[in-house]
């Protein structure tokens, strides 16, 4: 399970399992990565529910 984040300056992929962590970064600054990570952690439950609804897992 993972989530992609995008910004005009780049994009990144974060794993959600076994723990939330950065998988790949293409151009995002550390500041933008930290903002993305905080948003993922704040909305982790919603992201997981949406993933399961979409992929049926």
PDB file of N, CA and C in Angstrom:
ATOM      1  N   UNK A   1       0.852  -1.155   0.000  1.00  0.00           N
ATOM      2  CA  UNK A   1       0.000   0.000   0.000  1.00  0.00           C
ATOM      3  C   UNK A   1       0.911   1.236   0.000  1.00  0.00           C
ATOM      4  N   UNK A   2       0.595   2.180  -0.869  1.00  0.00           N
ATOM      5  CA  UNK A   2       1.404   3.389  -0.978  1.00  0.00           C
ATOM      6  C   UNK A   2       0.542   4.552  -1.453  1.00  0.00           C
ATOM      7  N   UNK A   3       1.127   5.738  -1.379  1.00  0.00           N
ATOM      8  CA  UNK A   3       0.443   6.947  -1.839  1.00  0.00           C
ATOM      9  C   UNK A   3       1.463   7.812  -2.582  1.00  0.00           C
ATOM     10  N   UNK A   4       0.996   8.460  -3.633  1.00  0.00           N
ATOM     11  CA  UNK A   4       1.827   9.381  -4.402  1.00  0.00           C
ATOM     12  C   UNK A   4       1.439  10.806  -4.041  1.00  0.00           C
ATOM     13  N   UNK A   5       2.424  11.679  -3.963  1.00  0.00           N
ATOM     14  CA  UNK A   5       2.162  13.100  -3.745  1.00  0.00           C
ATOM     15  C   UNK A   5       2.824  13.876  -4.875  1.00  0.00           C
ATOM     16  N   UNK A   6       2.172  14.937  -5.301  1.00  0.00           N
ATOM     17  CA  UNK A   6       2.697  15.736  -6.409  1.00  0.00           C
ATOM     18  C   UNK A   6       2.668  17.220  -6.072  1.00  0.00           C
ATOM     19  N   UNK A   7       3.626  17.918  -6.625  1.00  0.00           N
ATOM     20  CA  UNK A   7       3.736  19.364  -6.521  1.00  0.00           C
ATOM     21  C   UNK A   7       4.372  19.825  -7.825  1.00  0.00           C
ATOM     22  N   UNK A   8       4.258  21.092  -8.140  1.00  0.00           N
ATOM     23  CA  UNK A   8       4.858  21.576  -9.381  1.00  0.00           C
ATOM     24  C   UNK A   8       6.372  21.369  -9.417  1.00  0.00           C
ATOM     25  N   UNK A   9       6.991  21.253  -8.246  1.00  0.00           N
ATOM     26  CA  UNK A   9       8.445  21.069  -8.189  1.00  0.00           C
ATOM     27  C   UNK A   9       8.870  19.603  -8.241  1.00  0.00           C
ATOM     28  N   UNK A  10       7.923  18.668  -8.163  1.00  0.00           N
ATOM     29  CA  UNK A  10       8.290  17.251  -8.218  1.00  0.00           C
ATOM     30  C   UNK A  10       7.204  16.364  -7.659  1.00  0.00           C
ATOM     31  N   UNK A  11       7.595  15.128  -7.384  1.00  0.00           N
ATOM     32  CA  UNK A  11       6.650  14.166  -6.831  1.00  0.00           C
ATOM     33  C   UNK A  11       7.386  13.149  -5.991  1.00  0.00           C
ATOM     34  N   UNK A  12       6.614  12.438  -5.158  1.00  0.00           N
ATOM     35  CA  UNK A  12       7.194  11.428  -4.283  1.00  0.00           C
ATOM     36  C   UNK A  12       6.188  10.305  -4.065  1.00  0.00           C
ATOM     37  N   UNK A  13       6.710   9.194  -3.588  1.00  0.00           N
ATOM     38  CA  UNK A  13       5.888   8.032  -3.252  1.00  0.00           C
ATOM     39  C   UNK A  13       6.219   7.664  -1.817  1.00  0.00           C
ATOM     40  N   UNK A  14       5.185   7.424  -1.018  1.00  0.00           N
ATOM     41  CA  UNK A  14       5.352   7.008   0.368  1.00  0.00           C
ATOM     42  C   UNK A  14       4.711   5.636   0.553  1.00  0.00           C
ATOM     43  N   UNK A  15       5.439   4.725   1.185  1.00  0.00           N
ATOM     44  CA  UNK A  15       4.856   3.450   1.595  1.00  0.00           C
ATOM     45  C   UNK A  15       3.955   3.709   2.792  1.00  0.00           C
ATOM     46  N   UNK A  16       2.860   2.978   2.888  1.00  0.00           N
ATOM     47  CA  UNK A  16       1.996   3.025   4.062  1.00  0.00           C
ATOM     48  C   UNK A  16       2.196   1.796   4.935  1.00  0.00           C
ATOM     49  N   UNK A  17       2.791   0.767   4.372  1.00  0.00           N
ATOM     50  CA  UNK A  17       3.017  -0.478   5.117  1.00  0.00           C
ATOM     51  C   UNK A  17       4.427  -0.956   4.866  1.00  0.00           C
ATOM     52  N   UNK A  18       5.096  -1.496   5.835  1.00  0.00           N
ATOM     53  CA  UNK A  18       4.585  -1.750   7.188  1.00  0.00           C
ATOM     54  C   UNK A  18       4.480  -0.487   8.037  1.00  0.00           C
ATOM     55  N   UNK A  19       5.138   0.598   7.601  1.00  0.00           N
ATOM     56  CA  UNK A  19       5.041   1.887   8.297  1.00  0.00           C
ATOM     57  C   UNK A  19       5.109   2.983   7.241  1.00  0.00           C
ATOM     58  N   UNK A  20       4.614   4.158   7.582  1.00  0.00           N
ATOM     59  CA  UNK A  20       4.670   5.278   6.644  1.00  0.00           C
ATOM     60  C   UNK A  20       6.128   5.716   6.508  1.00  0.00           C
ATOM     61  N   UNK A  21       6.642   5.649   5.267  1.00  0.00           N
ATOM     62  CA  UNK A  21       8.012   6.082   5.011  1.00  0.00           C
ATOM     63  C   UNK A  21       8.181   6.427   3.537  1.00  0.00           C
ATOM     64  N   UNK A  22       9.136   7.290   3.279  1.00  0.00           N
ATOM     65  CA  UNK A  22       9.419   7.718   1.919  1.00  0.00           C
ATOM     66  C   UNK A  22       9.982   6.553   1.111  1.00  0.00           C
ATOM     67  N   UNK A  23       9.412   6.323  -0.068  1.00  0.00           N
ATOM     68  CA  UNK A  23       9.912   5.280  -0.966  1.00  0.00           C
ATOM     69  C   UNK A  23      10.782   5.893  -2.060  1.00  0.00           C
ATOM     70  N   UNK A  24      10.268   6.953  -2.707  1.00  0.00           N
ATOM     71  CA  UNK A  24      10.966   7.576  -3.834  1.00  0.00           C
ATOM     72  C   UNK A  24      10.660   9.072  -3.821  1.00  0.00           C
ATOM     73  N   UNK A  25      11.666   9.869  -4.144  1.00  0.00           N
ATOM     74  CA  UNK A  25      11.475  11.306  -4.263  1.00  0.00           C
ATOM     75  C   UNK A  25      12.095  11.785  -5.565  1.00  0.00           C
ATOM     76  N   UNK A  26      11.333  12.554  -6.311  1.00  0.00           N
ATOM     77  CA  UNK A  26      11.818  13.149  -7.565  1.00  0.00           C
ATOM     78  C   UNK A  26      11.608  14.659  -7.508  1.00  0.00           C
ATOM     79  N   UNK A  27      12.548  15.361  -6.881  1.00  0.00           N
ATOM     80  CA  UNK A  27      12.556  16.806  -6.942  1.00  0.00           C
ATOM     81  C   UNK A  27      11.938  17.579  -5.796  1.00  0.00           C
ATOM     82  N   UNK A  28      11.278  16.922  -4.855  1.00  0.00           N
ATOM     83  CA  UNK A  28      10.673  17.668  -3.750  1.00  0.00           C
ATOM     84  C   UNK A  28      11.722  18.006  -2.696  1.00  0.00           C
ATOM     85  N   UNK A  29      11.638  19.213  -2.157  1.00  0.00           N
ATOM     86  CA  UNK A  29      12.552  19.636  -1.103  1.00  0.00           C
ATOM     87  C   UNK A  29      12.221  18.898   0.196  1.00  0.00           C
ATOM     88  N   UNK A  30      13.137  18.930   1.134  1.00  0.00           N
ATOM     89  CA  UNK A  30      12.884  18.306   2.442  1.00  0.00           C
ATOM     90  C   UNK A  30      11.673  18.945   3.111  1.00  0.00           C
ATOM     91  N   UNK A  31      11.520  20.243   2.941  1.00  0.00           N
ATOM     92  CA  UNK A  31      10.370  20.934   3.528  1.00  0.00           C
ATOM     93  C   UNK A  31       9.065  20.399   2.940  1.00  0.00           C
ATOM     94  N   UNK A  32       9.001  20.252   1.626  1.00  0.00           N
ATOM     95  CA  UNK A  32       7.787  19.728   0.985  1.00  0.00           C
ATOM     96  C   UNK A  32       7.536  18.275   1.385  1.00  0.00           C
ATOM     97  N   UNK A  33       8.599  17.487   1.502  1.00  0.00           N
ATOM     98  CA  UNK A  33       8.446  16.096   1.943  1.00  0.00           C
ATOM     99  C   UNK A  33       7.889  16.037   3.359  1.00  0.00           C
ATOM    100  N   UNK A  34       8.372  16.923   4.218  1.00  0.00           N
ATOM    101  CA  UNK A  34       7.876  16.952   5.602  1.00  0.00           C
ATOM    102  C   UNK A  34       6.404  17.339   5.654  1.00  0.00           C
ATOM    103  N   UNK A  35       5.997  18.291   4.825  1.00  0.00           N
ATOM    104  CA  UNK A  35       4.581  18.676   4.764  1.00  0.00           C
ATOM    105  C   UNK A  35       3.747  17.492   4.276  1.00  0.00           C
ATOM    106  N   UNK A  36       4.218  16.829   3.236  1.00  0.00           N
ATOM    107  CA  UNK A  36       3.492  15.670   2.700  1.00  0.00           C
ATOM    108  C   UNK A  36       3.382  14.576   3.747  1.00  0.00           C
ATOM    109  N   UNK A  37       4.479  14.292   4.432  1.00  0.00           N
ATOM    110  CA  UNK A  37       4.467  13.249   5.459  1.00  0.00           C
ATOM    111  C   UNK A  37       3.471  13.596   6.557  1.00  0.00           C
ATOM    112  N   UNK A  38       3.465  14.844   7.003  1.00  0.00           N
ATOM    113  CA  UNK A  38       2.532  15.253   8.052  1.00  0.00           C
ATOM    114  C   UNK A  38       1.086  15.085   7.592  1.00  0.00           C
ATOM    115  N   UNK A  39       0.789  15.456   6.357  1.00  0.00           N
ATOM    116  CA  UNK A  39      -0.573  15.299   5.830  1.00  0.00           C
ATOM    117  C   UNK A  39      -0.968  13.830   5.728  1.00  0.00           C
ATOM    118  N   UNK A  40      -0.030  12.998   5.295  1.00  0.00           N
ATOM    119  CA  UNK A  40      -0.305  11.561   5.206  1.00  0.00           C
ATOM    120  C   UNK A  40      -0.609  10.994   6.579  1.00  0.00           C
ATOM    121  N   UNK A  41       0.197  11.360   7.562  1.00  0.00           N
ATOM    122  CA  UNK A  41      -0.019  10.862   8.921  1.00  0.00           C
ATOM    123  C   UNK A  41      -1.347  11.356   9.489  1.00  0.00           C
ATOM    124  N   UNK A  42      -1.701  12.600   9.226  1.00  0.00           N
ATOM    125  CA  UNK A  42      -2.968  13.153   9.716  1.00  0.00           C
ATOM    126  C   UNK A  42      -4.177  12.485   9.064  1.00  0.00           C
ATOM    127  N   UNK A  43      -4.025  12.029   7.830  1.00  0.00           N
ATOM    128  CA  UNK A  43      -5.155  11.467   7.077  1.00  0.00           C
ATOM    129  C   UNK A  43      -4.949   9.991   6.737  1.00  0.00           C
ATOM    130  N   UNK A  44      -4.072   9.344   7.471  1.00  0.00           N
ATOM    131  CA  UNK A  44      -3.724   7.950   7.164  1.00  0.00           C
ATOM    132  C   UNK A  44      -4.945   7.039   7.124  1.00  0.00           C
ATOM    133  N   UNK A  45      -5.832   7.179   8.078  1.00  0.00           N
ATOM    134  CA  UNK A  45      -7.024   6.322   8.121  1.00  0.00           C
ATOM    135  C   UNK A  45      -7.873   6.507   6.861  1.00  0.00           C
ATOM    136  N   UNK A  46      -8.075   7.740   6.463  1.00  0.00           N
ATOM    137  CA  UNK A  46      -8.869   8.024   5.260  1.00  0.00           C
ATOM    138  C   UNK A  46      -8.179   7.491   4.003  1.00  0.00           C
ATOM    139  N   UNK A  47      -6.875   7.635   3.940  1.00  0.00           N
ATOM    140  CA  UNK A  47      -6.115   7.150   2.780  1.00  0.00           C
ATOM    141  C   UNK A  47      -6.235   5.641   2.684  1.00  0.00           C
ATOM    142  N   UNK A  48      -6.089   4.955   3.822  1.00  0.00           N
ATOM    143  CA  UNK A  48      -6.209   3.484   3.822  1.00  0.00           C
ATOM    144  C   UNK A  48      -7.613   3.041   3.400  1.00  0.00           C
ATOM    145  N   UNK A  49      -8.635   3.722   3.900  1.00  0.00           N
ATOM    146  CA  UNK A  49     -10.008   3.377   3.517  1.00  0.00           C
ATOM    147  C   UNK A  49     -10.227   3.573   2.023  1.00  0.00           C
ATOM    148  N   UNK A  50      -9.722   4.677   1.482  1.00  0.00           N
ATOM    149  CA  UNK A  50      -9.876   4.944   0.048  1.00  0.00           C
ATOM    150  C   UNK A  50      -9.135   3.902  -0.774  1.00  0.00           C
ATOM    151  N   UNK A  51      -7.944   3.522  -0.337  1.00  0.00           N
ATOM    152  CA  UNK A  51      -7.153   2.491  -1.027  1.00  0.00           C
ATOM    153  C   UNK A  51      -7.952   1.189  -1.074  1.00  0.00           C
ATOM    154  N   UNK A  52      -8.464   0.785   0.087  1.00  0.00           N
ATOM    155  CA  UNK A  52      -9.200  -0.478   0.159  1.00  0.00           C
ATOM    156  C   UNK A  52     -10.482  -0.424  -0.664  1.00  0.00           C
ATOM    157  N   UNK A  53     -11.159   0.697  -0.680  1.00  0.00           N
ATOM    158  CA  UNK A  53     -12.378   0.835  -1.483  1.00  0.00           C
ATOM    159  C   UNK A  53     -12.047   0.761  -2.970  1.00  0.00           C
ATOM    160  N   UNK A  54     -10.939   1.353  -3.361  1.00  0.00           N
ATOM    161  CA  UNK A  54     -10.553   1.386  -4.769  1.00  0.00           C
ATOM    162  C   UNK A  54     -10.003   0.040  -5.249  1.00  0.00           C
ATOM    163  N   UNK A  55      -9.115  -0.548  -4.455  1.00  0.00           N
ATOM    164  CA  UNK A  55      -8.434  -1.774  -4.879  1.00  0.00           C
ATOM    165  C   UNK A  55      -9.067  -3.047  -4.322  1.00  0.00           C
ATOM    166  N   UNK A  56     -10.008  -2.896  -3.386  1.00  0.00           N
ATOM    167  CA  UNK A  56     -10.708  -4.059  -2.853  1.00  0.00           C
ATOM    168  C   UNK A  56      -9.839  -4.977  -2.022  1.00  0.00           C
ATOM    169  N   UNK A  57      -8.881  -4.399  -1.315  1.00  0.00           N
ATOM    170  CA  UNK A  57      -7.990  -5.230  -0.487  1.00  0.00           C
ATOM    171  C   UNK A  57      -8.222  -4.947   0.961  1.00  0.00           C
TER     172      UNK A  57
END
